């Protein structure tokens, strides 16, 4: 089975400072990079857990004083982003399982 990781590309922010989330799939020392449709501020990303985090108003004003609070994702939006990332991870696991059950070699 391969390794699935999500990385926030802080080196590629847009004008508003929002960075895209990339999927890195690695198998047998070979990596493939895929861009997801998700984008976040770096302060809304937990690199260790590889998921979005919600910032309350007080924390957001401290970490991002130049950004309007209503631009940041709400708690519900953060949950939706994490759900979509989890579904991508599950879909990859399902594909790998299908290959293994069919006894097909995949790379």
PDB file of N, CA and C in Angstrom:
ATOM      1  N   UNK A   1       0.833  -1.179   0.000  1.00  0.00           N
ATOM      2  CA  UNK A   1       0.000   0.000   0.000  1.00  0.00           C
ATOM      3  C   UNK A   1       0.881   1.247   0.000  1.00  0.00           C
ATOM      4  N   UNK A   2       0.372   2.277  -0.599  1.00  0.00           N
ATOM      5  CA  UNK A   2       1.096   3.531  -0.697  1.00  0.00           C
ATOM      6  C   UNK A   2       0.834   4.437   0.496  1.00  0.00           C
ATOM      7  N   UNK A   3       1.551   5.531   0.519  1.00  0.00           N
ATOM      8  CA  UNK A   3       1.409   6.533   1.565  1.00  0.00           C
ATOM      9  C   UNK A   3       0.686   7.747   0.997  1.00  0.00           C
ATOM     10  N   UNK A   4      -0.296   8.228   1.723  1.00  0.00           N
ATOM     11  CA  UNK A   4      -1.064   9.388   1.312  1.00  0.00           C
ATOM     12  C   UNK A   4      -0.813  10.510   2.319  1.00  0.00           C
ATOM     13  N   UNK A   5      -0.390  11.663   1.815  1.00  0.00           N
ATOM     14  CA  UNK A   5      -0.175  12.824   2.673  1.00  0.00           C
ATOM     15  C   UNK A   5      -0.806  14.050   2.032  1.00  0.00           C
ATOM     16  N   UNK A   6      -1.256  14.960   2.880  1.00  0.00           N
ATOM     17  CA  UNK A   6      -1.761  16.244   2.418  1.00  0.00           C
ATOM     18  C   UNK A   6      -0.806  17.326   2.907  1.00  0.00           C
ATOM     19  N   UNK A   7      -0.473  18.254   2.024  1.00  0.00           N
ATOM     20  CA  UNK A   7       0.474  19.319   2.336  1.00  0.00           C
ATOM     21  C   UNK A   7      -0.104  20.657   1.895  1.00  0.00           C
ATOM     22  N   UNK A   8      -0.003  21.641   2.765  1.00  0.00           N
ATOM     23  CA  UNK A   8      -0.410  22.993   2.399  1.00  0.00           C
ATOM     24  C   UNK A   8       0.767  23.660   1.705  1.00  0.00           C
ATOM     25  N   UNK A   9       0.569  24.095   0.475  1.00  0.00           N
ATOM     26  CA  UNK A   9       1.639  24.695  -0.329  1.00  0.00           C
ATOM     27  C   UNK A   9       1.778  26.173   0.018  1.00  0.00           C
ATOM     28  N   UNK A  10       2.470  26.454   1.106  1.00  0.00           N
ATOM     29  CA  UNK A  10       2.647  27.840   1.541  1.00  0.00           C
ATOM     30  C   UNK A  10       3.556  28.624   0.606  1.00  0.00           C
ATOM     31  N   UNK A  11       4.253  27.932  -0.289  1.00  0.00           N
ATOM     32  CA  UNK A  11       5.093  28.614  -1.265  1.00  0.00           C
ATOM     33  C   UNK A  11       4.286  29.096  -2.476  1.00  0.00           C
ATOM     34  N   UNK A  12       2.997  28.759  -2.538  1.00  0.00           N
ATOM     35  CA  UNK A  12       2.143  29.128  -3.668  1.00  0.00           C
ATOM     36  C   UNK A  12       0.873  29.874  -3.236  1.00  0.00           C
ATOM     37  N   UNK A  13       0.972  30.868  -2.342  1.00  0.00           N
ATOM     38  CA  UNK A  13      -0.265  31.554  -1.936  1.00  0.00           C
ATOM     39  C   UNK A  13      -0.776  32.476  -3.037  1.00  0.00           C
ATOM     40  N   UNK A  14      -2.096  32.710  -3.026  1.00  0.00           N
ATOM     41  CA  UNK A  14      -2.667  33.668  -3.977  1.00  0.00           C
ATOM     42  C   UNK A  14      -2.582  35.073  -3.380  1.00  0.00           C
ATOM     43  N   UNK A  15      -3.206  36.048  -4.000  1.00  0.00           N
ATOM     44  CA  UNK A  15      -3.121  37.440  -3.555  1.00  0.00           C
ATOM     45  C   UNK A  15      -3.632  37.638  -2.128  1.00  0.00           C
ATOM     46  N   UNK A  16      -4.627  36.855  -1.748  1.00  0.00           N
ATOM     47  CA  UNK A  16      -5.211  36.987  -0.407  1.00  0.00           C
ATOM     48  C   UNK A  16      -4.414  36.240   0.657  1.00  0.00           C
ATOM     49  N   UNK A  17      -3.395  35.483   0.249  1.00  0.00           N
ATOM     50  CA  UNK A  17      -2.584  34.714   1.199  1.00  0.00           C
ATOM     51  C   UNK A  17      -3.100  33.306   1.434  1.00  0.00           C
ATOM     52  N   UNK A  18      -4.015  32.860   0.585  1.00  0.00           N
ATOM     53  CA  UNK A  18      -4.595  31.520   0.714  1.00  0.00           C
ATOM     54  C   UNK A  18      -3.783  30.550  -0.136  1.00  0.00           C
ATOM     55  N   UNK A  19      -3.396  29.433   0.464  1.00  0.00           N
ATOM     56  CA  UNK A  19      -2.548  28.448  -0.211  1.00  0.00           C
ATOM     57  C   UNK A  19      -3.333  27.184  -0.548  1.00  0.00           C
ATOM     58  N   UNK A  20      -2.970  26.521  -1.645  1.00  0.00           N
ATOM     59  CA  UNK A  20      -3.664  25.274  -2.021  1.00  0.00           C
ATOM     60  C   UNK A  20      -3.162  24.084  -1.204  1.00  0.00           C
ATOM     61  N   UNK A  21      -4.003  23.080  -1.118  1.00  0.00           N
ATOM     62  CA  UNK A  21      -3.638  21.834  -0.447  1.00  0.00           C
ATOM     63  C   UNK A  21      -3.348  20.804  -1.524  1.00  0.00           C
ATOM     64  N   UNK A  22      -2.167  20.188  -1.439  1.00  0.00           N
ATOM     65  CA  UNK A  22      -1.764  19.159  -2.391  1.00  0.00           C
ATOM     66  C   UNK A  22      -1.807  17.787  -1.734  1.00  0.00           C
ATOM     67  N   UNK A  23      -2.092  16.797  -2.552  1.00  0.00           N
ATOM     68  CA  UNK A  23      -2.041  15.402  -2.138  1.00  0.00           C
ATOM     69  C   UNK A  23      -0.731  14.826  -2.658  1.00  0.00           C
ATOM     70  N   UNK A  24       0.009  14.153  -1.789  1.00  0.00           N
ATOM     71  CA  UNK A  24       1.225  13.455  -2.204  1.00  0.00           C
ATOM     72  C   UNK A  24       0.980  11.972  -1.991  1.00  0.00           C
ATOM     73  N   UNK A  25       1.033  11.232  -3.073  1.00  0.00           N
ATOM     74  CA  UNK A  25       0.865   9.776  -3.014  1.00  0.00           C
ATOM     75  C   UNK A  25       2.218   9.152  -3.309  1.00  0.00           C
ATOM     76  N   UNK A  26       2.698   8.310  -2.409  1.00  0.00           N
ATOM     77  CA  UNK A  26       4.007   7.689  -2.573  1.00  0.00           C
ATOM     78  C   UNK A  26       3.879   6.180  -2.472  1.00  0.00           C
ATOM     79  N   UNK A  27       4.482   5.523  -3.453  1.00  0.00           N
ATOM     80  CA  UNK A  27       4.533   4.064  -3.460  1.00  0.00           C
ATOM     81  C   UNK A  27       5.856   3.640  -4.084  1.00  0.00           C
ATOM     82  N   UNK A  28       6.515   2.738  -3.418  1.00  0.00           N
ATOM     83  CA  UNK A  28       7.807   2.217  -3.884  1.00  0.00           C
ATOM     84  C   UNK A  28       8.783   3.338  -4.227  1.00  0.00           C
ATOM     85  N   UNK A  29       8.902   4.286  -3.315  1.00  0.00           N
ATOM     86  CA  UNK A  29       9.840   5.419  -3.421  1.00  0.00           C
ATOM     87  C   UNK A  29       9.550   6.377  -4.571  1.00  0.00           C
ATOM     88  N   UNK A  30       8.394   6.270  -5.182  1.00  0.00           N
ATOM     89  CA  UNK A  30       8.012   7.200  -6.242  1.00  0.00           C
ATOM     90  C   UNK A  30       6.833   8.025  -5.755  1.00  0.00           C
ATOM     91  N   UNK A  31       6.921   9.323  -5.996  1.00  0.00           N
ATOM     92  CA  UNK A  31       5.884  10.245  -5.542  1.00  0.00           C
ATOM     93  C   UNK A  31       5.128  10.848  -6.711  1.00  0.00           C
ATOM     94  N   UNK A  32       3.861  11.025  -6.474  1.00  0.00           N
ATOM     95  CA  UNK A  32       2.995  11.737  -7.424  1.00  0.00           C
ATOM     96  C   UNK A  32       2.299  12.842  -6.642  1.00  0.00           C
ATOM     97  N   UNK A  33       2.234  14.002  -7.257  1.00  0.00           N
ATOM     98  CA  UNK A  33       1.615  15.162  -6.635  1.00  0.00           C
ATOM     99  C   UNK A  33       0.316  15.496  -7.349  1.00  0.00           C
ATOM    100  N   UNK A  34      -0.722  15.735  -6.564  1.00  0.00           N
ATOM    101  CA  UNK A  34      -2.029  16.079  -7.107  1.00  0.00           C
ATOM    102  C   UNK A  34      -2.571  17.285  -6.347  1.00  0.00           C
ATOM    103  N   UNK A  35      -3.142  18.218  -7.058  1.00  0.00           N
ATOM    104  CA  UNK A  35      -3.722  19.404  -6.441  1.00  0.00           C
ATOM    105  C   UNK A  35      -5.173  19.096  -6.086  1.00  0.00           C
ATOM    106  N   UNK A  36      -5.542  19.345  -4.845  1.00  0.00           N
ATOM    107  CA  UNK A  36      -6.948  19.228  -4.458  1.00  0.00           C
ATOM    108  C   UNK A  36      -7.616  20.577  -4.737  1.00  0.00           C
ATOM    109  N   UNK A  37      -8.891  20.648  -4.588  1.00  0.00           N
ATOM    110  CA  UNK A  37      -9.604  21.907  -4.822  1.00  0.00           C
ATOM    111  C   UNK A  37      -9.640  22.773  -3.559  1.00  0.00           C
ATOM    112  N   UNK A  38      -9.073  22.262  -2.473  1.00  0.00           N
ATOM    113  CA  UNK A  38      -9.131  22.965  -1.191  1.00  0.00           C
ATOM    114  C   UNK A  38      -8.010  23.998  -1.058  1.00  0.00           C
ATOM    115  N   UNK A  39      -8.344  25.123  -0.399  1.00  0.00           N
ATOM    116  CA  UNK A  39      -7.372  26.193  -0.151  1.00  0.00           C
ATOM    117  C   UNK A  39      -7.613  26.756   1.240  1.00  0.00           C
ATOM    118  N   UNK A  40      -6.510  27.121   1.918  1.00  0.00           N
ATOM    119  CA  UNK A  40      -6.608  27.643   3.280  1.00  0.00           C
ATOM    120  C   UNK A  40      -5.501  28.645   3.573  1.00  0.00           C
ATOM    121  N   UNK A  41      -5.698  29.425   4.631  1.00  0.00           N
ATOM    122  CA  UNK A  41      -4.614  30.212   5.189  1.00  0.00           C
ATOM    123  C   UNK A  41      -3.705  29.254   5.960  1.00  0.00           C
ATOM    124  N   UNK A  42      -2.436  29.565   6.041  1.00  0.00           N
ATOM    125  CA  UNK A  42      -1.508  28.661   6.726  1.00  0.00           C
ATOM    126  C   UNK A  42      -1.874  28.497   8.200  1.00  0.00           C
ATOM    127  N   UNK A  43      -2.481  29.507   8.797  1.00  0.00           N
ATOM    128  CA  UNK A  43      -2.878  29.425  10.201  1.00  0.00           C
ATOM    129  C   UNK A  43      -4.058  28.473  10.408  1.00  0.00           C
ATOM    130  N   UNK A  44      -4.777  28.141   9.341  1.00  0.00           N
ATOM    131  CA  UNK A  44      -5.896  27.203   9.417  1.00  0.00           C
ATOM    132  C   UNK A  44      -5.475  25.769   9.111  1.00  0.00           C
ATOM    133  N   UNK A  45      -4.184  25.498   9.058  1.00  0.00           N
ATOM    134  CA  UNK A  45      -3.707  24.173   8.689  1.00  0.00           C
ATOM    135  C   UNK A  45      -2.836  23.593   9.790  1.00  0.00           C
ATOM    136  N   UNK A  46      -3.103  22.348  10.164  1.00  0.00           N
ATOM    137  CA  UNK A  46      -2.279  21.609  11.122  1.00  0.00           C
ATOM    138  C   UNK A  46      -1.461  20.603  10.321  1.00  0.00           C
ATOM    139  N   UNK A  47      -0.171  20.885  10.149  1.00  0.00           N
ATOM    140  CA  UNK A  47       0.684  20.045   9.308  1.00  0.00           C
ATOM    141  C   UNK A  47       0.869  18.655   9.908  1.00  0.00           C
ATOM    142  N   UNK A  48       0.919  18.572  11.214  1.00  0.00           N
ATOM    143  CA  UNK A  48       1.129  17.268  11.855  1.00  0.00           C
ATOM    144  C   UNK A  48      -0.080  16.347  11.649  1.00  0.00           C
ATOM    145  N   UNK A  49      -1.271  16.898  11.832  1.00  0.00           N
ATOM    146  CA  UNK A  49      -2.494  16.114  11.659  1.00  0.00           C
ATOM    147  C   UNK A  49      -2.953  16.066  10.202  1.00  0.00           C
ATOM    148  N   UNK A  50      -2.375  16.921   9.360  1.00  0.00           N
ATOM    149  CA  UNK A  50      -2.720  17.023   7.941  1.00  0.00           C
ATOM    150  C   UNK A  50      -4.214  17.296   7.749  1.00  0.00           C
ATOM    151  N   UNK A  51      -4.683  18.309   8.470  1.00  0.00           N
ATOM    152  CA  UNK A  51      -6.084  18.681   8.342  1.00  0.00           C
ATOM    153  C   UNK A  51      -6.284  20.151   8.692  1.00  0.00           C
ATOM    154  N   UNK A  52      -7.435  20.656   8.298  1.00  0.00           N
ATOM    155  CA  UNK A  52      -7.793  22.040   8.567  1.00  0.00           C
ATOM    156  C   UNK A  52      -8.186  22.190  10.029  1.00  0.00           C
ATOM    157  N   UNK A  53      -7.912  23.375  10.579  1.00  0.00           N
ATOM    158  CA  UNK A  53      -8.303  23.674  11.955  1.00  0.00           C
ATOM    159  C   UNK A  53      -9.095  24.978  11.973  1.00  0.00           C
ATOM    160  N   UNK A  54     -10.015  25.047  12.895  1.00  0.00           N
ATOM    161  CA  UNK A  54     -10.854  26.239  13.048  1.00  0.00           C
ATOM    162  C   UNK A  54     -10.166  27.235  13.968  1.00  0.00           C
ATOM    163  N   UNK A  55     -10.215  28.501  13.617  1.00  0.00           N
ATOM    164  CA  UNK A  55      -9.698  29.572  14.461  1.00  0.00           C
ATOM    165  C   UNK A  55     -10.864  30.388  15.000  1.00  0.00           C
ATOM    166  N   UNK A  56     -10.938  30.515  16.330  1.00  0.00           N
ATOM    167  CA  UNK A  56     -11.980  31.378  16.879  1.00  0.00           C
ATOM    168  C   UNK A  56     -11.599  32.837  16.631  1.00  0.00           C
ATOM    169  N   UNK A  57     -12.506  33.723  16.891  1.00  0.00           N
ATOM    170  CA  UNK A  57     -12.323  35.131  16.527  1.00  0.00           C
ATOM    171  C   UNK A  57     -11.117  35.751  17.236  1.00  0.00           C
ATOM    172  N   UNK A  58     -10.934  35.441  18.495  1.00  0.00           N
ATOM    173  CA  UNK A  58      -9.823  36.012  19.263  1.00  0.00           C
ATOM    174  C   UNK A  58      -8.479  35.549  18.705  1.00  0.00           C
ATOM    175  N   UNK A  59      -8.354  34.268  18.464  1.00  0.00           N
ATOM    176  CA  UNK A  59      -7.106  33.713  17.920  1.00  0.00           C
ATOM    177  C   UNK A  59      -6.847  34.229  16.512  1.00  0.00           C
ATOM    178  N   UNK A  60      -7.895  34.319  15.723  1.00  0.00           N
ATOM    179  CA  UNK A  60      -7.759  34.785  14.344  1.00  0.00           C
ATOM    180  C   UNK A  60      -7.269  36.229  14.305  1.00  0.00           C
ATOM    181  N   UNK A  61      -7.797  37.072  15.181  1.00  0.00           N
ATOM    182  CA  UNK A  61      -7.357  38.471  15.192  1.00  0.00           C
ATOM    183  C   UNK A  61      -5.908  38.589  15.623  1.00  0.00           C
ATOM    184  N   UNK A  62      -5.464  37.681  16.477  1.00  0.00           N
ATOM    185  CA  UNK A  62      -4.075  37.700  16.932  1.00  0.00           C
ATOM    186  C   UNK A  62      -3.126  37.208  15.837  1.00  0.00           C
ATOM    187  N   UNK A  63      -3.499  36.112  15.168  1.00  0.00           N
ATOM    188  CA  UNK A  63      -2.631  35.509  14.152  1.00  0.00           C
ATOM    189  C   UNK A  63      -2.709  36.201  12.795  1.00  0.00           C
ATOM    190  N   UNK A  64      -3.901  36.682  12.452  1.00  0.00           N
ATOM    191  CA  UNK A  64      -4.129  37.309  11.140  1.00  0.00           C
ATOM    192  C   UNK A  64      -4.789  38.675  11.308  1.00  0.00           C
ATOM    193  N   UNK A  65      -4.074  39.654  11.837  1.00  0.00           N
ATOM    194  CA  UNK A  65      -4.711  40.946  12.089  1.00  0.00           C
ATOM    195  C   UNK A  65      -5.151  41.687  10.824  1.00  0.00           C
ATOM    196  N   UNK A  66      -4.522  41.401   9.688  1.00  0.00           N
ATOM    197  CA  UNK A  66      -4.844  42.115   8.455  1.00  0.00           C
ATOM    198  C   UNK A  66      -5.973  41.447   7.658  1.00  0.00           C
ATOM    199  N   UNK A  67      -6.490  40.327   8.147  1.00  0.00           N
ATOM    200  CA  UNK A  67      -7.518  39.579   7.429  1.00  0.00           C
ATOM    201  C   UNK A  67      -8.850  39.711   8.164  1.00  0.00           C
ATOM    202  N   UNK A  68      -9.897  39.992   7.419  1.00  0.00           N
ATOM    203  CA  UNK A  68     -11.232  40.073   8.018  1.00  0.00           C
ATOM    204  C   UNK A  68     -11.660  38.691   8.487  1.00  0.00           C
ATOM    205  N   UNK A  69     -12.237  38.637   9.674  1.00  0.00           N
ATOM    206  CA  UNK A  69     -12.608  37.352  10.270  1.00  0.00           C
ATOM    207  C   UNK A  69     -13.615  36.584   9.411  1.00  0.00           C
ATOM    208  N   UNK A  70     -14.520  37.288   8.742  1.00  0.00           N
ATOM    209  CA  UNK A  70     -15.542  36.606   7.940  1.00  0.00           C
ATOM    210  C   UNK A  70     -14.973  35.939   6.693  1.00  0.00           C
ATOM    211  N   UNK A  71     -13.722  36.216   6.353  1.00  0.00           N
ATOM    212  CA  UNK A  71     -13.075  35.566   5.207  1.00  0.00           C
ATOM    213  C   UNK A  71     -12.570  34.170   5.596  1.00  0.00           C
ATOM    214  N   UNK A  72     -12.269  33.986   6.873  1.00  0.00           N
ATOM    215  CA  UNK A  72     -11.759  32.701   7.350  1.00  0.00           C
ATOM    216  C   UNK A  72     -12.872  31.653   7.344  1.00  0.00           C
ATOM    217  N   UNK A  73     -12.497  30.386   7.182  1.00  0.00           N
ATOM    218  CA  UNK A  73     -13.530  29.339   7.172  1.00  0.00           C
ATOM    219  C   UNK A  73     -14.183  29.174   8.545  1.00  0.00           C
ATOM    220  N   UNK A  74     -15.478  28.954   8.518  1.00  0.00           N
ATOM    221  CA  UNK A  74     -16.221  28.720   9.760  1.00  0.00           C
ATOM    222  C   UNK A  74     -15.946  27.301  10.245  1.00  0.00           C
ATOM    223  N   UNK A  75     -16.428  26.996  11.414  1.00  0.00           N
ATOM    224  CA  UNK A  75     -16.257  25.658  11.981  1.00  0.00           C
ATOM    225  C   UNK A  75     -16.865  24.599  11.057  1.00  0.00           C
ATOM    226  N   UNK A  76     -18.029  24.904  10.525  1.00  0.00           N
ATOM    227  CA  UNK A  76     -18.704  23.974   9.614  1.00  0.00           C
ATOM    228  C   UNK A  76     -17.897  23.788   8.331  1.00  0.00           C
ATOM    229  N   UNK A  77     -17.348  24.880   7.784  1.00  0.00           N
ATOM    230  CA  UNK A  77     -16.546  24.793   6.564  1.00  0.00           C
ATOM    231  C   UNK A  77     -15.264  23.991   6.794  1.00  0.00           C
ATOM    232  N   UNK A  78     -14.656  24.161   7.964  1.00  0.00           N
ATOM    233  CA  UNK A  78     -13.458  23.383   8.306  1.00  0.00           C
ATOM    234  C   UNK A  78     -13.804  21.905   8.361  1.00  0.00           C
ATOM    235  N   UNK A  79     -14.938  21.571   8.971  1.00  0.00           N
ATOM    236  CA  UNK A  79     -15.381  20.169   9.023  1.00  0.00           C
ATOM    237  C   UNK A  79     -15.621  19.618   7.621  1.00  0.00           C
ATOM    238  N   UNK A  80     -16.207  20.428   6.747  1.00  0.00           N
ATOM    239  CA  UNK A  80     -16.457  19.989   5.366  1.00  0.00           C
ATOM    240  C   UNK A  80     -15.151  19.752   4.608  1.00  0.00           C
ATOM    241  N   UNK A  81     -14.176  20.627   4.801  1.00  0.00           N
ATOM    242  CA  UNK A  81     -12.866  20.453   4.156  1.00  0.00           C
ATOM    243  C   UNK A  81     -12.224  19.161   4.636  1.00  0.00           C
ATOM    244  N   UNK A  82     -12.240  18.942   5.943  1.00  0.00           N
ATOM    245  CA  UNK A  82     -11.647  17.719   6.485  1.00  0.00           C
ATOM    246  C   UNK A  82     -12.384  16.469   6.007  1.00  0.00           C
ATOM    247  N   UNK A  83     -13.684  16.567   5.846  1.00  0.00           N
ATOM    248  CA  UNK A  83     -14.465  15.442   5.324  1.00  0.00           C
ATOM    249  C   UNK A  83     -14.077  15.140   3.879  1.00  0.00           C
ATOM    250  N   UNK A  84     -13.915  16.183   3.067  1.00  0.00           N
ATOM    251  CA  UNK A  84     -13.516  15.974   1.673  1.00  0.00           C
ATOM    252  C   UNK A  84     -12.107  15.378   1.587  1.00  0.00           C
ATOM    253  N   UNK A  85     -11.193  15.832   2.432  1.00  0.00           N
ATOM    254  CA  UNK A  85      -9.841  15.266   2.437  1.00  0.00           C
ATOM    255  C   UNK A  85      -9.873  13.796   2.872  1.00  0.00           C
ATOM    256  N   UNK A  86     -10.688  13.500   3.864  1.00  0.00           N
ATOM    257  CA  UNK A  86     -10.831  12.107   4.310  1.00  0.00           C
ATOM    258  C   UNK A  86     -11.424  11.225   3.224  1.00  0.00           C
ATOM    259  N   UNK A  87     -12.375  11.770   2.470  1.00  0.00           N
ATOM    260  CA  UNK A  87     -12.992  10.974   1.402  1.00  0.00           C
ATOM    261  C   UNK A  87     -11.982  10.706   0.279  1.00  0.00           C
ATOM    262  N   UNK A  88     -11.098  11.650   0.015  1.00  0.00           N
ATOM    263  CA  UNK A  88     -10.042  11.417  -0.983  1.00  0.00           C
ATOM    264  C   UNK A  88      -9.136  10.292  -0.505  1.00  0.00           C
ATOM    265  N   UNK A  89      -8.741  10.353   0.766  1.00  0.00           N
ATOM    266  CA  UNK A  89      -7.885   9.310   1.343  1.00  0.00           C
ATOM    267  C   UNK A  89      -8.578   7.940   1.275  1.00  0.00           C
ATOM    268  N   UNK A  90      -9.883   7.915   1.591  1.00  0.00           N
ATOM    269  CA  UNK A  90     -10.638   6.659   1.559  1.00  0.00           C
ATOM    270  C   UNK A  90     -10.756   6.123   0.143  1.00  0.00           C
ATOM    271  N   UNK A  91     -10.970   7.011  -0.812  1.00  0.00           N
ATOM    272  CA  UNK A  91     -11.086   6.593  -2.205  1.00  0.00           C
ATOM    273  C   UNK A  91      -9.783   5.937  -2.675  1.00  0.00           C
ATOM    274  N   UNK A  92      -8.657   6.495  -2.295  1.00  0.00           N
ATOM    275  CA  UNK A  92      -7.358   5.914  -2.663  1.00  0.00           C
ATOM    276  C   UNK A  92      -7.190   4.542  -2.013  1.00  0.00           C
ATOM    277  N   UNK A  93      -7.570   4.429  -0.748  1.00  0.00           N
ATOM    278  CA  UNK A  93      -7.495   3.137  -0.050  1.00  0.00           C
ATOM    279  C   UNK A  93      -8.392   2.108  -0.731  1.00  0.00           C
ATOM    280  N   UNK A  94      -9.579   2.509  -1.150  1.00  0.00           N
ATOM    281  CA  UNK A  94     -10.496   1.601  -1.840  1.00  0.00           C
ATOM    282  C   UNK A  94      -9.905   1.121  -3.171  1.00  0.00           C
ATOM    283  N   UNK A  95      -9.267   2.020  -3.893  1.00  0.00           N
ATOM    284  CA  UNK A  95      -8.642   1.652  -5.169  1.00  0.00           C
ATOM    285  C   UNK A  95      -7.511   0.648  -4.923  1.00  0.00           C
ATOM    286  N   UNK A  96      -6.684   0.915  -3.914  1.00  0.00           N
ATOM    287  CA  UNK A  96      -5.598  -0.018  -3.593  1.00  0.00           C
ATOM    288  C   UNK A  96      -6.142  -1.390  -3.204  1.00  0.00           C
ATOM    289  N   UNK A  97      -7.197  -1.387  -2.406  1.00  0.00           N
ATOM    290  CA  UNK A  97      -7.813  -2.652  -1.978  1.00  0.00           C
ATOM    291  C   UNK A  97      -8.369  -3.429  -3.168  1.00  0.00           C
ATOM    292  N   UNK A  98      -8.987  -2.706  -4.099  1.00  0.00           N
ATOM    293  CA  UNK A  98      -9.528  -3.352  -5.295  1.00  0.00           C
ATOM    294  C   UNK A  98      -8.414  -4.033  -6.092  1.00  0.00           C
ATOM    295  N   UNK A  99      -7.289  -3.349  -6.247  1.00  0.00           N
ATOM    296  CA  UNK A  99      -6.147  -3.935  -6.955  1.00  0.00           C
ATOM    297  C   UNK A  99      -5.635  -5.171  -6.222  1.00  0.00           C
ATOM    298  N   UNK A 100      -5.555  -5.103  -4.901  1.00  0.00           N
ATOM    299  CA  UNK A 100      -5.059  -6.244  -4.128  1.00  0.00           C
ATOM    300  C   UNK A 100      -6.010  -7.437  -4.215  1.00  0.00           C
ATOM    301  N   UNK A 101      -7.317  -7.180  -4.156  1.00  0.00           N
ATOM    302  CA  UNK A 101      -8.286  -8.263  -4.245  1.00  0.00           C
ATOM    303  C   UNK A 101      -8.265  -8.925  -5.633  1.00  0.00           C
ATOM    304  N   UNK A 102      -8.001  -8.123  -6.648  1.00  0.00           N
ATOM    305  CA  UNK A 102      -7.895  -8.651  -8.012  1.00  0.00           C
ATOM    306  C   UNK A 102      -6.511  -9.229  -8.304  1.00  0.00           C
ATOM    307  N   UNK A 103      -5.625  -9.147  -7.313  1.00  0.00           N
ATOM    308  CA  UNK A 103      -4.246  -9.639  -7.430  1.00  0.00           C
ATOM    309  C   UNK A 103      -3.532  -9.018  -8.629  1.00  0.00           C
ATOM    310  N   UNK A 104      -3.773  -7.726  -8.791  1.00  0.00           N
ATOM    311  CA  UNK A 104      -3.124  -6.975  -9.860  1.00  0.00           C
ATOM    312  C   UNK A 104      -2.011  -6.130  -9.259  1.00  0.00           C
ATOM    313  N   UNK A 105      -0.927  -5.999  -9.969  1.00  0.00           N
ATOM    314  CA  UNK A 105       0.177  -5.172  -9.539  1.00  0.00           C
ATOM    315  C   UNK A 105      -0.135  -3.735  -9.914  1.00  0.00           C
ATOM    316  N   UNK A 106       0.056  -2.832  -8.980  1.00  0.00           N
ATOM    317  CA  UNK A 106      -0.168  -1.423  -9.268  1.00  0.00           C
ATOM    318  C   UNK A 106       1.066  -0.614  -8.888  1.00  0.00           C
ATOM    319  N   UNK A 107       1.273   0.466  -9.596  1.00  0.00           N
ATOM    320  CA  UNK A 107       2.423   1.339  -9.308  1.00  0.00           C
ATOM    321  C   UNK A 107       1.962   2.772  -9.243  1.00  0.00           C
TER     322      UNK A 107
END
